[in-house]
Amino acid sequence: MSPEEKFEVLVDEFTGRPGITPPGATGGFGRSALRAQGRIFAMFVRGQLVLKLPKARVDELVEGGHGVRFDANKGTPMKEWLALDAGSRQPWSALAEEALEFVGKR
């Protein structure tokens, strides 16, 4: 399954939950994002799943070779955003659940 298809499955899984806004509901930055109460928790950017997670969790996943810190083309990788490597075996759904929980606590 391609990364695009995997993201569509993820969108289908989360859409319909209370407070979740699917991609395409907004414009500009984050137009490809899943949002919870207006806050982005997962998005598809440049062919990668990008997730908002606690810095320690991002550190752990980066050190494990599962991705890199997301850079929104501003030259500075973001501490709480992971761009998951397409070859990572980390389950997208479980990571998105972690991201949703993290964003919901803020």
N, C-alpha and C. Protein backbone atom coordinates (compact mmCIF):
# COMPACT_ATOMS: atom_id res chain seq x y z
N MET A 1 0.85 -1.17 0.00
CA MET A 1 0.00 0.00 0.00
C MET A 1 0.90 1.24 0.00
N SER A 2 0.57 2.22 -0.82
CA SER A 2 1.38 3.44 -0.91
C SER A 2 1.16 4.31 0.34
N PRO A 3 2.09 5.22 0.62
CA PRO A 3 1.89 6.12 1.75
C PRO A 3 0.59 6.93 1.62
N GLU A 4 0.25 7.34 0.42
CA GLU A 4 -0.99 8.09 0.21
C GLU A 4 -2.21 7.25 0.59
N GLU A 5 -2.19 5.99 0.19
CA GLU A 5 -3.30 5.09 0.52
C GLU A 5 -3.37 4.83 2.02
N LYS A 6 -2.20 4.68 2.64
CA LYS A 6 -2.17 4.46 4.09
C LYS A 6 -2.74 5.67 4.83
N PHE A 7 -2.45 6.88 4.32
CA PHE A 7 -2.98 8.07 4.97
C PHE A 7 -4.50 8.14 4.79
N GLU A 8 -4.99 7.76 3.63
CA GLU A 8 -6.44 7.76 3.40
C GLU A 8 -7.14 6.80 4.36
N VAL A 9 -6.53 5.65 4.60
CA VAL A 9 -7.09 4.70 5.57
C VAL A 9 -7.11 5.34 6.96
N LEU A 10 -6.04 6.03 7.31
CA LEU A 10 -5.97 6.71 8.60
C LEU A 10 -7.06 7.79 8.71
N VAL A 11 -7.23 8.56 7.66
CA VAL A 11 -8.28 9.60 7.65
C VAL A 11 -9.64 8.95 7.86
N ASP A 12 -9.90 7.88 7.14
CA ASP A 12 -11.19 7.19 7.28
C ASP A 12 -11.40 6.69 8.71
N GLU A 13 -10.32 6.22 9.34
CA GLU A 13 -10.41 5.70 10.70
C GLU A 13 -10.77 6.80 11.71
N PHE A 14 -10.23 8.00 11.53
CA PHE A 14 -10.41 9.07 12.50
C PHE A 14 -11.61 9.98 12.19
N THR A 15 -11.95 10.11 10.92
CA THR A 15 -13.07 10.98 10.55
C THR A 15 -14.36 10.42 11.13
N GLY A 16 -15.16 11.30 11.67
CA GLY A 16 -16.41 10.88 12.28
C GLY A 16 -16.34 10.85 13.80
N ARG A 17 -15.14 10.86 14.33
CA ARG A 17 -15.00 10.94 15.78
C ARG A 17 -15.34 12.37 16.21
N PRO A 18 -15.87 12.53 17.41
CA PRO A 18 -16.21 13.88 17.88
C PRO A 18 -14.98 14.79 17.91
N GLY A 19 -15.14 15.99 17.35
CA GLY A 19 -14.08 16.99 17.39
C GLY A 19 -13.00 16.83 16.35
N ILE A 20 -13.08 15.80 15.49
CA ILE A 20 -12.06 15.57 14.47
C ILE A 20 -12.48 16.22 13.16
N THR A 21 -11.56 17.00 12.58
CA THR A 21 -11.78 17.64 11.29
C THR A 21 -10.86 16.97 10.28
N PRO A 22 -11.40 16.51 9.15
CA PRO A 22 -10.58 15.83 8.15
C PRO A 22 -9.79 16.80 7.28
N PRO A 23 -8.82 16.28 6.55
CA PRO A 23 -8.07 17.11 5.61
C PRO A 23 -9.03 17.75 4.59
N GLY A 24 -8.63 18.93 4.13
CA GLY A 24 -9.42 19.62 3.12
C GLY A 24 -10.46 20.55 3.70
N ALA A 25 -10.69 20.50 5.00
CA ALA A 25 -11.71 21.36 5.62
C ALA A 25 -11.18 22.78 5.84
N THR A 26 -9.86 22.95 5.76
CA THR A 26 -9.25 24.26 5.94
C THR A 26 -8.25 24.49 4.81
N GLY A 27 -7.82 25.72 4.66
CA GLY A 27 -6.81 26.04 3.65
C GLY A 27 -5.48 26.35 4.31
N GLY A 28 -4.48 26.67 3.50
CA GLY A 28 -3.17 27.06 4.01
C GLY A 28 -2.43 25.92 4.66
N PHE A 29 -1.54 26.29 5.60
CA PHE A 29 -0.75 25.28 6.31
C PHE A 29 -1.70 24.32 7.01
N GLY A 30 -1.45 23.06 6.86
CA GLY A 30 -2.26 22.05 7.51
C GLY A 30 -3.50 21.65 6.74
N ARG A 31 -3.61 22.06 5.49
CA ARG A 31 -4.80 21.68 4.71
C ARG A 31 -4.88 20.17 4.49
N SER A 32 -3.73 19.49 4.65
CA SER A 32 -3.70 18.03 4.51
C SER A 32 -3.69 17.35 5.87
N ALA A 33 -4.26 18.03 6.88
CA ALA A 33 -4.13 17.55 8.26
C ALA A 33 -5.41 17.03 8.86
N LEU A 34 -5.24 16.10 9.76
CA LEU A 34 -6.29 15.69 10.68
C LEU A 34 -6.16 16.60 11.89
N ARG A 35 -7.28 17.16 12.32
CA ARG A 35 -7.27 18.08 13.46
C ARG A 35 -8.21 17.59 14.54
N ALA A 36 -7.84 17.88 15.79
CA ALA A 36 -8.69 17.60 16.94
C ALA A 36 -8.95 18.93 17.62
N GLN A 37 -10.22 19.32 17.68
CA GLN A 37 -10.57 20.61 18.27
C GLN A 37 -9.76 21.74 17.64
N GLY A 38 -9.53 21.64 16.34
CA GLY A 38 -8.81 22.67 15.62
C GLY A 38 -7.30 22.56 15.64
N ARG A 39 -6.75 21.60 16.39
CA ARG A 39 -5.30 21.43 16.50
C ARG A 39 -4.83 20.25 15.65
N ILE A 40 -3.80 20.47 14.88
CA ILE A 40 -3.26 19.43 14.02
C ILE A 40 -2.58 18.35 14.87
N PHE A 41 -2.92 17.09 14.58
CA PHE A 41 -2.21 15.99 15.25
C PHE A 41 -1.54 15.06 14.25
N ALA A 42 -2.03 15.02 13.01
CA ALA A 42 -1.42 14.19 11.96
C ALA A 42 -1.68 14.84 10.61
N MET A 43 -0.68 14.79 9.74
CA MET A 43 -0.86 15.34 8.40
C MET A 43 0.04 14.59 7.43
N PHE A 44 -0.26 14.76 6.16
CA PHE A 44 0.52 14.10 5.11
C PHE A 44 1.22 15.20 4.33
N VAL A 45 2.56 15.21 4.41
CA VAL A 45 3.35 16.26 3.79
C VAL A 45 4.51 15.64 3.01
N ARG A 46 4.63 16.03 1.76
CA ARG A 46 5.73 15.56 0.92
C ARG A 46 5.91 14.04 0.98
N GLY A 47 4.79 13.33 0.96
CA GLY A 47 4.82 11.87 0.91
C GLY A 47 5.07 11.18 2.24
N GLN A 48 5.01 11.94 3.35
CA GLN A 48 5.27 11.35 4.66
C GLN A 48 4.16 11.67 5.64
N LEU A 49 3.93 10.73 6.54
CA LEU A 49 3.04 10.97 7.67
C LEU A 49 3.82 11.82 8.67
N VAL A 50 3.21 12.93 9.09
CA VAL A 50 3.83 13.83 10.06
C VAL A 50 2.91 13.88 11.27
N LEU A 51 3.49 13.69 12.46
CA LEU A 51 2.72 13.58 13.69
C LEU A 51 3.25 14.51 14.77
N LYS A 52 2.34 15.07 15.55
CA LYS A 52 2.72 15.89 16.71
C LYS A 52 2.75 14.98 17.93
N LEU A 53 3.93 14.83 18.50
CA LEU A 53 4.16 13.94 19.63
C LEU A 53 5.04 14.65 20.66
N PRO A 54 5.05 14.15 21.89
CA PRO A 54 5.96 14.74 22.88
C PRO A 54 7.41 14.65 22.40
N LYS A 55 8.19 15.65 22.75
CA LYS A 55 9.59 15.69 22.31
C LYS A 55 10.33 14.40 22.64
N ALA A 56 10.12 13.86 23.84
CA ALA A 56 10.82 12.63 24.23
C ALA A 56 10.44 11.47 23.31
N ARG A 57 9.20 11.41 22.89
CA ARG A 57 8.75 10.34 21.99
C ARG A 57 9.34 10.54 20.60
N VAL A 58 9.39 11.78 20.14
CA VAL A 58 10.03 12.07 18.85
C VAL A 58 11.50 11.67 18.91
N ASP A 59 12.18 12.05 20.00
CA ASP A 59 13.59 11.66 20.18
C ASP A 59 13.75 10.14 20.07
N GLU A 60 12.89 9.41 20.75
CA GLU A 60 12.95 7.95 20.75
C GLU A 60 12.76 7.38 19.34
N LEU A 61 11.79 7.89 18.61
CA LEU A 61 11.53 7.39 17.26
C LEU A 61 12.64 7.76 16.29
N VAL A 62 13.19 8.96 16.43
CA VAL A 62 14.30 9.38 15.57
C VAL A 62 15.52 8.51 15.85
N GLU A 63 15.83 8.31 17.14
CA GLU A 63 16.99 7.49 17.51
C GLU A 63 16.81 6.04 17.05
N GLY A 64 15.57 5.57 16.98
CA GLY A 64 15.29 4.22 16.52
C GLY A 64 15.26 4.09 15.00
N GLY A 65 15.51 5.19 14.29
CA GLY A 65 15.56 5.16 12.84
C GLY A 65 14.20 5.15 12.15
N HIS A 66 13.17 5.59 12.87
CA HIS A 66 11.82 5.55 12.31
C HIS A 66 11.41 6.84 11.59
N GLY A 67 12.26 7.84 11.63
CA GLY A 67 11.94 9.08 10.96
C GLY A 67 12.87 10.19 11.40
N VAL A 68 12.49 11.41 11.02
CA VAL A 68 13.27 12.59 11.36
C VAL A 68 12.33 13.66 11.90
N ARG A 69 12.90 14.64 12.57
CA ARG A 69 12.09 15.77 12.99
C ARG A 69 11.60 16.50 11.74
N PHE A 70 10.35 16.87 11.74
CA PHE A 70 9.74 17.54 10.59
C PHE A 70 10.29 18.96 10.47
N ASP A 71 10.62 19.33 9.24
CA ASP A 71 11.06 20.68 8.92
C ASP A 71 10.05 21.24 7.93
N ALA A 72 9.37 22.29 8.31
CA ALA A 72 8.34 22.90 7.48
C ALA A 72 8.96 23.85 6.45
N ASN A 73 10.14 23.51 5.95
CA ASN A 73 10.88 24.32 4.97
C ASN A 73 11.28 25.68 5.52
N LYS A 74 11.52 25.72 6.82
CA LYS A 74 11.98 26.97 7.44
C LYS A 74 13.41 26.82 7.94
N GLY A 75 14.00 25.65 7.69
CA GLY A 75 15.39 25.43 8.06
C GLY A 75 15.63 24.94 9.48
N THR A 76 14.56 24.83 10.28
CA THR A 76 14.72 24.39 11.65
C THR A 76 13.77 23.23 11.93
N PRO A 77 14.31 22.04 12.18
CA PRO A 77 13.43 20.92 12.52
C PRO A 77 12.64 21.21 13.80
N MET A 78 11.41 20.77 13.82
CA MET A 78 10.52 21.03 14.95
C MET A 78 10.65 19.92 15.98
N LYS A 79 10.77 20.29 17.25
CA LYS A 79 11.04 19.34 18.33
C LYS A 79 9.91 18.35 18.57
N GLU A 80 8.68 18.78 18.37
CA GLU A 80 7.52 17.93 18.69
C GLU A 80 6.83 17.39 17.44
N TRP A 81 7.51 17.40 16.32
CA TRP A 81 6.90 16.89 15.08
C TRP A 81 7.81 15.85 14.45
N LEU A 82 7.25 14.70 14.15
CA LEU A 82 7.99 13.60 13.53
C LEU A 82 7.51 13.39 12.10
N ALA A 83 8.44 13.33 11.17
CA ALA A 83 8.14 12.90 9.80
C ALA A 83 8.53 11.43 9.75
N LEU A 84 7.54 10.56 9.72
CA LEU A 84 7.78 9.12 9.77
C LEU A 84 8.37 8.63 8.46
N ASP A 85 9.41 7.85 8.57
CA ASP A 85 10.03 7.26 7.39
C ASP A 85 9.06 6.27 6.75
N ALA A 86 8.95 6.32 5.44
CA ALA A 86 8.01 5.45 4.73
C ALA A 86 8.31 3.97 4.96
N GLY A 87 9.56 3.64 5.26
CA GLY A 87 9.94 2.25 5.48
C GLY A 87 9.79 1.79 6.93
N SER A 88 9.40 2.70 7.81
CA SER A 88 9.25 2.33 9.22
C SER A 88 8.11 1.33 9.39
N ARG A 89 8.32 0.41 10.30
CA ARG A 89 7.27 -0.58 10.60
C ARG A 89 6.35 -0.13 11.73
N GLN A 90 6.54 1.10 12.20
CA GLN A 90 5.67 1.62 13.25
C GLN A 90 4.24 1.72 12.70
N PRO A 91 3.26 1.26 13.45
CA PRO A 91 1.87 1.30 12.98
C PRO A 91 1.32 2.73 12.97
N TRP A 92 0.85 3.16 11.80
CA TRP A 92 0.36 4.53 11.64
C TRP A 92 -0.79 4.82 12.59
N SER A 93 -1.70 3.90 12.71
CA SER A 93 -2.89 4.13 13.53
C SER A 93 -2.51 4.35 15.00
N ALA A 94 -1.62 3.54 15.52
CA ALA A 94 -1.21 3.66 16.92
C ALA A 94 -0.47 4.98 17.15
N LEU A 95 0.38 5.37 16.21
CA LEU A 95 1.09 6.64 16.36
C LEU A 95 0.13 7.82 16.28
N ALA A 96 -0.85 7.72 15.40
CA ALA A 96 -1.86 8.79 15.29
C ALA A 96 -2.68 8.89 16.58
N GLU A 97 -2.97 7.76 17.19
CA GLU A 97 -3.68 7.76 18.48
C GLU A 97 -2.84 8.47 19.54
N GLU A 98 -1.52 8.19 19.55
CA GLU A 98 -0.63 8.86 20.49
C GLU A 98 -0.65 10.37 20.25
N ALA A 99 -0.60 10.75 18.99
CA ALA A 99 -0.60 12.18 18.63
C ALA A 99 -1.91 12.83 19.04
N LEU A 100 -3.01 12.16 18.80
CA LEU A 100 -4.32 12.69 19.19
C LEU A 100 -4.39 12.89 20.70
N GLU A 101 -3.92 11.93 21.44
CA GLU A 101 -3.91 12.03 22.90
C GLU A 101 -3.03 13.19 23.35
N PHE A 102 -1.86 13.32 22.74
CA PHE A 102 -0.94 14.41 23.09
C PHE A 102 -1.54 15.78 22.82
N VAL A 103 -2.11 15.94 21.66
CA VAL A 103 -2.72 17.23 21.30
C VAL A 103 -3.92 17.54 22.19
N GLY A 104 -4.65 16.50 22.57
CA GLY A 104 -5.82 16.69 23.42
C GLY A 104 -5.49 17.14 24.82
N LYS A 105 -4.27 16.88 25.27
CA LYS A 105 -3.85 17.26 26.62
C LYS A 105 -3.43 18.73 26.71
N ARG A 106 -3.23 19.35 25.58
CA ARG A 106 -2.72 20.73 25.58
C ARG A 106 -3.80 21.71 25.79
